[in-house]
Protein backbone atom coordinates (compact mmCIF):
# COMPACT_ATOMS: atom_id res chain seq x y z
CA MET A 1 63.65 -90.30 -232.68
CA ALA A 2 60.33 -91.01 -231.59
CA ILE A 3 57.09 -90.50 -234.06
CA SER A 4 53.42 -90.80 -233.17
CA LYS A 5 50.76 -93.23 -233.62
CA GLU A 6 48.76 -90.88 -236.04
CA VAL A 7 51.95 -90.14 -237.82
CA LEU A 8 52.42 -93.85 -237.95
CA ASP A 9 49.07 -94.56 -239.60
CA GLU A 10 49.50 -91.73 -242.16
CA LEU A 11 52.63 -93.12 -243.33
CA LEU A 12 51.04 -96.89 -243.75
CA LYS A 13 48.01 -95.90 -244.71
CA ASP A 14 48.41 -96.82 -248.80
CA TYR A 15 50.44 -100.19 -247.73
CA LYS A 16 48.83 -102.65 -250.05
CA GLY A 17 51.37 -105.67 -249.20
CA PRO A 18 53.21 -107.69 -252.04
CA GLU A 19 51.87 -105.59 -255.07
CA ASP A 20 54.22 -102.74 -253.59
CA ILE A 21 57.28 -104.52 -254.32
CA THR A 22 55.69 -106.77 -257.46
CA GLY A 23 53.24 -104.31 -259.03
CA PRO A 24 53.81 -101.63 -261.61
CA GLU A 25 56.45 -99.64 -259.58
CA GLY A 26 57.59 -102.70 -257.70
CA LEU A 27 61.43 -102.64 -256.45
CA LEU A 28 62.50 -105.30 -258.74
CA LYS A 29 60.93 -103.64 -261.98
CA GLN A 30 62.57 -100.66 -260.87
CA LEU A 31 66.34 -102.33 -260.55
CA THR A 32 65.55 -104.38 -263.68
CA LYS A 33 64.73 -101.54 -265.99
CA ALA A 34 67.38 -99.36 -265.01
CA LEU A 35 69.81 -102.12 -265.85
CA ILE A 36 68.68 -102.51 -269.03
CA GLU A 37 68.54 -99.15 -270.28
CA ARG A 38 71.96 -98.66 -269.02
CA ALA A 39 73.20 -101.78 -271.11
CA MET A 40 71.12 -100.29 -273.97
CA ASP A 41 72.66 -96.96 -273.77
CA ALA A 42 76.34 -98.89 -273.71
CA GLU A 43 75.26 -100.71 -277.07
CA MET A 44 74.42 -97.42 -278.72
CA THR A 45 77.86 -96.42 -277.45
CA ASP A 46 79.34 -99.17 -279.19
CA HIS A 47 77.27 -99.10 -282.17
CA LEU A 48 78.14 -94.92 -282.81
CA GLY A 49 81.82 -95.47 -281.58
CA TYR A 50 81.61 -92.30 -279.81
CA GLU A 51 80.56 -91.63 -276.20
CA LYS A 52 77.27 -89.52 -275.36
CA ASN A 53 78.17 -85.63 -275.41
CA ASP A 54 81.30 -85.98 -276.98
CA GLN A 55 82.07 -83.28 -278.66
CA THR A 56 85.00 -83.98 -280.66
CA GLU A 57 85.11 -84.83 -284.70
CA LYS A 58 83.07 -87.96 -285.26
CA ASP A 59 83.67 -90.57 -288.30
CA THR A 60 80.16 -90.83 -288.87
CA SER A 61 77.27 -88.54 -289.41
CA ASN A 62 74.85 -91.33 -287.40
CA ARG A 63 73.70 -89.77 -283.89
CA ARG A 64 71.62 -90.43 -281.33
CA ASN A 65 68.01 -89.72 -281.61
CA GLY A 66 66.09 -89.58 -278.46
CA LYS A 67 64.40 -92.81 -277.50
CA THR A 68 61.12 -94.93 -277.99
CA LYS A 69 59.24 -96.72 -275.03
CA LYS A 70 58.72 -100.72 -275.51
CA THR A 71 56.84 -103.06 -273.14
CA LEU A 72 58.30 -106.43 -272.12
CA ARG A 73 56.89 -109.35 -270.68
CA SER A 74 58.56 -109.93 -267.20
CA ASP A 75 58.58 -111.91 -264.20
CA GLN A 76 56.44 -109.30 -262.72
CA GLY A 77 54.31 -108.43 -265.52
CA PRO A 78 54.77 -105.93 -268.15
CA LEU A 79 57.78 -104.00 -268.17
CA GLU A 80 58.42 -100.80 -269.55
CA ILE A 81 61.62 -99.88 -270.80
CA GLU A 82 62.95 -96.67 -273.30
CA VAL A 83 65.03 -97.99 -275.93
CA PRO A 84 67.52 -95.44 -277.54
CA ARG A 85 67.47 -94.82 -281.31
CA ASP A 86 69.72 -93.56 -283.72
CA ARG A 87 69.01 -90.72 -286.97
CA GLU A 88 69.89 -93.72 -289.64
CA GLY A 89 67.65 -96.25 -287.85
CA ASP A 90 69.79 -98.67 -287.89
CA PHE A 91 70.70 -99.59 -284.06
CA GLU A 92 69.06 -102.81 -282.82
CA PRO A 93 69.72 -103.62 -279.16
CA ALA A 94 71.09 -107.02 -278.33
CA ILE A 95 69.81 -107.27 -274.59
CA VAL A 96 66.23 -107.02 -275.76
CA PRO A 97 66.49 -107.50 -279.47
CA LYS A 98 63.98 -105.67 -281.92
CA HIS A 99 61.16 -108.03 -281.86
CA GLN A 100 61.63 -109.88 -278.26
CA ARG A 101 59.01 -108.99 -276.41
CA GLU A 102 60.18 -111.21 -272.99
CA PHE A 103 62.36 -110.65 -270.43
CA LYS A 104 62.14 -113.54 -268.00
CA GLY A 105 64.46 -115.79 -265.98
CA PHE A 106 67.14 -113.16 -264.91
CA ASP A 107 65.71 -112.26 -261.38
CA ASP A 108 68.47 -113.53 -259.36
CA LYS A 109 71.01 -112.18 -261.92
CA ILE A 110 69.71 -108.64 -261.45
CA LEU A 111 69.66 -108.82 -257.90
CA SER A 112 72.73 -110.41 -257.28
CA MET A 113 74.58 -107.66 -259.50
CA TYR A 114 73.06 -104.89 -257.47
CA ALA A 115 74.59 -106.40 -254.44
CA ARG A 116 77.93 -105.13 -253.02
CA GLY A 117 80.30 -107.81 -253.02
CA MET A 118 79.83 -108.76 -256.41
CA THR A 119 83.12 -108.76 -258.61
CA THR A 120 83.33 -107.28 -261.81
CA ARG A 121 83.76 -110.48 -263.37
CA GLU A 122 81.00 -112.13 -261.69
CA ILE A 123 78.76 -109.12 -263.15
CA ALA A 124 80.54 -109.54 -266.53
CA GLY A 125 79.39 -113.44 -266.45
CA HIS A 126 75.96 -112.47 -265.67
CA LEU A 127 75.57 -109.96 -268.62
CA LYS A 128 77.07 -112.47 -270.88
CA GLU A 129 74.34 -115.11 -270.20
CA ILE A 130 71.92 -112.28 -270.24
CA TYR A 131 72.79 -111.29 -273.59
CA GLY A 132 73.56 -114.92 -274.95
CA THR A 133 76.40 -116.01 -277.24
CA ASP A 134 75.84 -113.97 -280.17
CA VAL A 135 77.88 -110.87 -279.11
CA SER A 136 81.09 -109.86 -279.23
CA PRO A 137 83.65 -109.70 -275.82
CA GLU A 138 84.33 -106.08 -276.69
CA LEU A 139 80.73 -105.41 -276.19
CA ILE A 140 80.09 -107.31 -272.94
CA SER A 141 83.27 -105.21 -271.89
CA ARG A 142 81.59 -102.19 -272.61
CA ALA A 143 78.09 -103.20 -271.16
CA THR A 144 80.09 -104.39 -267.99
CA ASP A 145 81.64 -101.17 -267.46
CA SER A 146 78.46 -98.96 -268.16
CA VAL A 147 76.44 -101.27 -265.65
CA LYS A 148 78.90 -101.41 -263.15
CA GLU A 149 78.63 -97.66 -262.88
CA LEU A 150 75.13 -97.42 -262.56
CA LEU A 151 75.37 -100.32 -259.93
CA GLU A 152 77.85 -98.35 -257.66
CA ASP A 153 76.06 -95.00 -257.82
CA TRP A 154 72.86 -97.13 -256.41
CA ARG A 155 74.64 -98.81 -253.92
CA ASN A 156 76.60 -95.68 -252.62
CA ARG A 157 73.38 -93.31 -252.91
CA ILE A 158 72.72 -90.79 -249.82
CA LEU A 159 70.05 -92.03 -248.02
CA GLU A 160 67.39 -90.28 -245.96
CA PRO A 161 68.32 -89.41 -242.20
CA PHE A 162 65.08 -91.11 -240.67
CA TYR A 163 63.03 -94.42 -241.44
CA PRO A 164 60.17 -95.17 -239.47
CA ILE A 165 60.63 -99.01 -239.99
CA LEU A 166 63.50 -101.28 -241.64
CA PHE A 167 63.27 -104.63 -242.71
CA LEU A 168 66.43 -106.88 -243.03
CA ASP A 169 66.26 -110.74 -244.39
CA ALA A 170 68.46 -112.57 -246.51
CA LEU A 171 67.03 -114.57 -249.72
CA VAL A 172 69.24 -117.56 -251.17
CA ILE A 173 70.06 -117.40 -255.14
CA ASN A 174 71.83 -119.58 -257.62
CA VAL A 175 74.78 -117.95 -258.89
CA ARG A 176 76.88 -119.17 -261.89
CA GLU A 177 80.58 -119.16 -261.04
CA ASP A 178 82.91 -121.38 -263.51
CA GLY A 179 80.53 -123.02 -265.49
CA LYS A 180 78.98 -124.12 -261.82
CA VAL A 181 75.72 -123.01 -260.40
CA ALA A 182 76.31 -122.45 -256.31
CA LYS A 183 74.15 -120.85 -254.37
CA LYS A 184 74.48 -117.67 -252.44
CA SER A 185 72.96 -115.76 -249.45
CA ILE A 186 71.70 -111.75 -250.34
CA TYR A 187 71.14 -109.84 -247.83
CA MET A 188 68.70 -107.06 -247.86
CA ALA A 189 67.59 -103.77 -246.29
CA LEU A 190 63.97 -102.88 -247.01
CA ALA A 191 62.83 -99.58 -245.29
CA ILE A 192 59.80 -97.74 -245.25
CA ASN A 193 60.27 -94.04 -245.05
CA GLN A 194 58.61 -90.93 -244.03
CA GLU A 195 56.38 -90.86 -247.00
CA GLY A 196 55.08 -94.45 -246.37
CA ARG A 197 56.99 -95.54 -249.62
CA LYS A 198 59.12 -98.70 -249.90
CA GLU A 199 63.00 -98.27 -250.35
CA LEU A 200 65.53 -100.70 -250.78
CA LEU A 201 68.39 -99.64 -248.74
CA GLY A 202 70.74 -102.22 -249.86
CA LEU A 203 71.68 -105.73 -251.20
CA TRP A 204 74.66 -107.39 -249.83
CA ILE A 205 76.26 -111.03 -250.93
CA ASP A 206 78.49 -112.39 -248.02
CA GLN A 207 79.67 -115.90 -246.94
CA SER A 208 77.70 -116.15 -243.55
CA GLU A 209 76.06 -114.03 -241.07
CA GLY A 210 76.81 -112.27 -237.57
CA ALA A 211 77.59 -109.70 -235.58
CA LYS A 212 80.74 -108.26 -237.40
CA PHE A 213 78.34 -108.34 -240.63
CA TRP A 214 75.73 -106.85 -239.48
CA LEU A 215 77.90 -104.21 -238.19
CA ARG A 216 79.61 -103.57 -241.19
CA ILE A 217 76.22 -102.97 -243.37
CA LEU A 218 74.47 -101.27 -240.21
CA ASN A 219 77.77 -98.57 -240.52
CA GLU A 220 77.51 -98.54 -244.29
CA LEU A 221 73.64 -97.30 -243.74
CA LYS A 222 74.97 -94.51 -241.26
CA ASN A 223 77.67 -93.38 -243.53
CA ARG A 224 75.47 -92.93 -246.21
CA GLY A 225 73.17 -90.58 -244.24
CA VAL A 226 71.08 -92.68 -242.04
CA GLN A 227 70.58 -91.28 -238.46
CA ASP A 228 67.77 -92.87 -236.80
CA ILE A 229 65.23 -96.11 -237.65
CA LEU A 230 62.61 -96.38 -235.21
CA LEU A 231 62.31 -100.13 -235.76
CA THR A 232 64.14 -102.85 -237.29
CA ALA A 233 61.76 -106.04 -238.12
CA VAL A 234 64.10 -109.31 -238.42
CA ASP A 235 64.00 -112.86 -238.84
CA GLY A 236 66.45 -113.73 -235.74
CA LEU A 237 69.40 -112.80 -237.92
CA SER A 238 72.62 -113.92 -235.88
CA GLY A 239 74.21 -111.19 -234.26
CA PHE A 240 72.00 -108.62 -235.36
CA PRO A 241 70.46 -107.12 -232.05
CA GLU A 242 73.99 -106.28 -230.68
CA ALA A 243 74.94 -104.66 -233.72
CA ILE A 244 71.92 -102.44 -233.96
CA ALA A 245 72.38 -101.69 -230.44
CA ALA A 246 75.91 -100.30 -231.30
CA VAL A 247 75.00 -98.50 -234.17
CA PHE A 248 71.42 -97.00 -233.56
CA PRO A 249 70.94 -97.63 -230.09
CA LYS A 250 67.46 -95.96 -229.59
CA THR A 251 66.11 -98.41 -232.61
CA GLU A 252 63.97 -101.46 -231.04
CA VAL A 253 64.18 -104.73 -232.57
CA GLN A 254 61.13 -106.89 -233.58
CA LEU A 255 61.22 -110.80 -234.30
CA CYS A 256 59.35 -112.02 -237.73
CA ILE A 257 56.12 -113.76 -236.13
CA VAL A 258 55.45 -115.14 -239.37
CA HIS A 259 58.79 -117.22 -238.94
CA MET A 260 58.02 -117.56 -235.44
CA VAL A 261 54.80 -119.32 -236.34
CA ARG A 262 56.84 -121.35 -239.11
CA ASN A 263 59.33 -122.64 -236.60
CA SER A 264 56.88 -123.56 -233.92
CA LEU A 265 55.01 -125.68 -236.40
CA LYS A 266 58.12 -127.19 -238.17
CA PHE A 267 57.61 -130.29 -235.72
CA VAL A 268 53.98 -130.30 -235.43
CA PRO A 269 52.23 -133.44 -237.11
CA TYR A 270 49.49 -132.29 -239.99
CA LYS A 271 46.49 -133.14 -237.56
CA ASP A 272 47.35 -130.50 -235.19
CA ARG A 273 48.79 -127.90 -237.09
CA LYS A 274 45.85 -125.82 -238.06
CA ALA A 275 44.51 -125.98 -234.73
CA ILE A 276 47.99 -124.61 -233.06
CA ALA A 277 48.43 -121.87 -235.93
CA THR A 278 44.91 -120.50 -234.94
CA ASP A 279 45.74 -120.53 -231.15
CA LEU A 280 49.07 -118.83 -232.15
CA LYS A 281 47.47 -116.31 -233.99
CA LYS A 282 45.24 -115.11 -230.95
CA ILE A 283 48.46 -114.29 -229.24
CA TYR A 284 50.10 -112.01 -231.63
CA SER A 285 46.50 -110.57 -233.02
CA ALA A 286 45.50 -109.51 -229.29
CA PRO A 287 44.63 -105.95 -229.01
CA SER A 288 47.06 -105.44 -226.47
CA GLU A 289 50.52 -107.11 -224.56
CA GLU A 290 48.61 -107.92 -221.69
CA VAL A 291 45.82 -109.76 -223.63
CA ALA A 292 48.59 -111.45 -225.51
CA VAL A 293 50.17 -113.13 -222.13
CA ASP A 294 46.87 -114.29 -221.17
CA GLU A 295 46.42 -116.14 -224.49
CA LEU A 296 50.14 -117.44 -224.37
CA LYS A 297 49.11 -118.74 -220.56
CA THR A 298 46.17 -120.59 -222.28
CA PHE A 299 48.16 -121.96 -225.04
CA SER A 300 50.44 -123.23 -223.00
CA ALA A 301 47.61 -124.83 -220.74
CA LYS A 302 46.13 -126.48 -223.90
CA TRP A 303 49.41 -127.49 -225.69
CA ASP A 304 52.30 -128.14 -223.24
CA ALA A 305 51.73 -131.68 -222.59
CA ARG A 306 52.34 -132.45 -226.35
CA TYR A 307 54.25 -129.46 -227.32
CA PRO A 308 55.92 -127.96 -224.46
CA MET A 309 59.00 -126.25 -226.81
CA ILE A 310 56.33 -123.92 -228.56
CA SER A 311 55.45 -122.16 -225.69
CA ARG A 312 58.77 -122.14 -223.86
CA SER A 313 60.10 -120.68 -227.06
CA TRP A 314 57.70 -117.64 -227.12
CA LYS A 315 58.21 -117.27 -223.49
CA SER A 316 62.01 -117.22 -223.78
CA ARG A 317 61.67 -114.46 -226.81
CA TRP A 318 58.85 -112.24 -225.45
CA ALA A 319 60.78 -109.04 -225.09
CA GLU A 320 61.83 -109.19 -228.84
CA LEU A 321 58.29 -110.63 -230.24
CA THR A 322 56.26 -108.18 -228.63
CA PRO A 323 57.56 -104.44 -229.55
CA PHE A 324 54.42 -104.21 -232.20
CA PHE A 325 52.10 -104.06 -229.20
CA LYS A 326 53.23 -100.09 -229.21
CA PHE A 327 51.73 -99.28 -232.03
CA PRO A 328 48.37 -99.10 -233.75
CA ALA A 329 46.53 -102.44 -234.90
CA THR A 330 46.39 -101.10 -238.13
CA ILE A 331 49.93 -100.99 -239.05
CA ARG A 332 50.98 -103.92 -236.70
CA LYS A 333 51.20 -106.68 -239.40
CA VAL A 334 53.23 -104.25 -241.06
CA ILE A 335 55.59 -104.13 -238.31
CA TYR A 336 55.85 -107.69 -237.17
CA THR A 337 56.31 -109.56 -240.29
CA THR A 338 58.54 -109.42 -243.08
CA ASN A 339 56.06 -109.78 -245.60
CA ALA A 340 57.44 -106.87 -247.53
CA ILE A 341 61.14 -108.75 -247.90
CA GLU A 342 58.96 -112.28 -248.11
CA SER A 343 57.31 -111.02 -251.38
CA LEU A 344 60.51 -109.94 -253.05
CA ASN A 345 62.08 -113.59 -252.00
CA TYR A 346 58.50 -114.98 -253.56
CA VAL A 347 59.09 -113.33 -256.72
CA THR A 348 62.60 -114.69 -257.17
CA GLY A 349 61.29 -118.06 -256.21
CA VAL A 350 63.59 -118.40 -253.38
CA ARG A 351 63.17 -119.04 -249.66
CA ARG A 352 65.69 -118.79 -246.96
């Protein structure tokens, strides 16, 4: 599906950068809010002794009595949640106790629980750590079942048929397993939809990336309703170009310029980094691909004597680095970087 430059301009006119994820309606906040509220609903069921909408005769006269708003201080700023109430007024949630105003340090756990690949045991372990030691195994079990249902619904929800831009990247989180902290990779798909909104399509935990892994992920997105993607921005993910060509053959693949610049500077002495970064910017910020080619030639003439691998690497990957030149300058930064995902990585304090 083709999309005009004018339409893309309109789609992305409200793009603000990292605050799209970390702001008041940020994606991580939405995930955290949904999980906390689902856990509290499970707690209320445990407190009353019967499920919501249960019409059978009860052993208690106590009932659910709506919800009240509460604002927590989270790692992403103020987080407003809705706390369930009971008629007798003696329900106190354990996941965020009555007088607790902070909910911090759980970003890794929240993200990993939403990722496909987490076992029921791992989800229960994360919830137990969030709750602490003063809750019963029965409550943890009930909360796990309730949260697991929420997670499955989120992972399997129907997606839109077309996304102009899809960002794909990975981050490393710390997960506690059998009393030990282990590092795991979470792979994420973040899209810009036709209304210009950021939408986290999915999270996956896997041992390693590769063509087979990405083929599975892309087929999952297709099975959930995605029919076409205009462009994907990736960080040189192993096996991804082959996988995208197999599932969405019309989709263009754009390598992330920011990661390319970082890799170019990796072995450059500090004294030359600023100058090289400035000259590289002249390439990817050029007004057209033709001008960018000239800037790369200028860069090569200036720096090849000392750092020949830089221009060589850019030339060898030129076809994957330049699709963004087909789009308006006002939206190139959105397309040629994975800033949207980078900001989510920043929130969780991790990097690849």
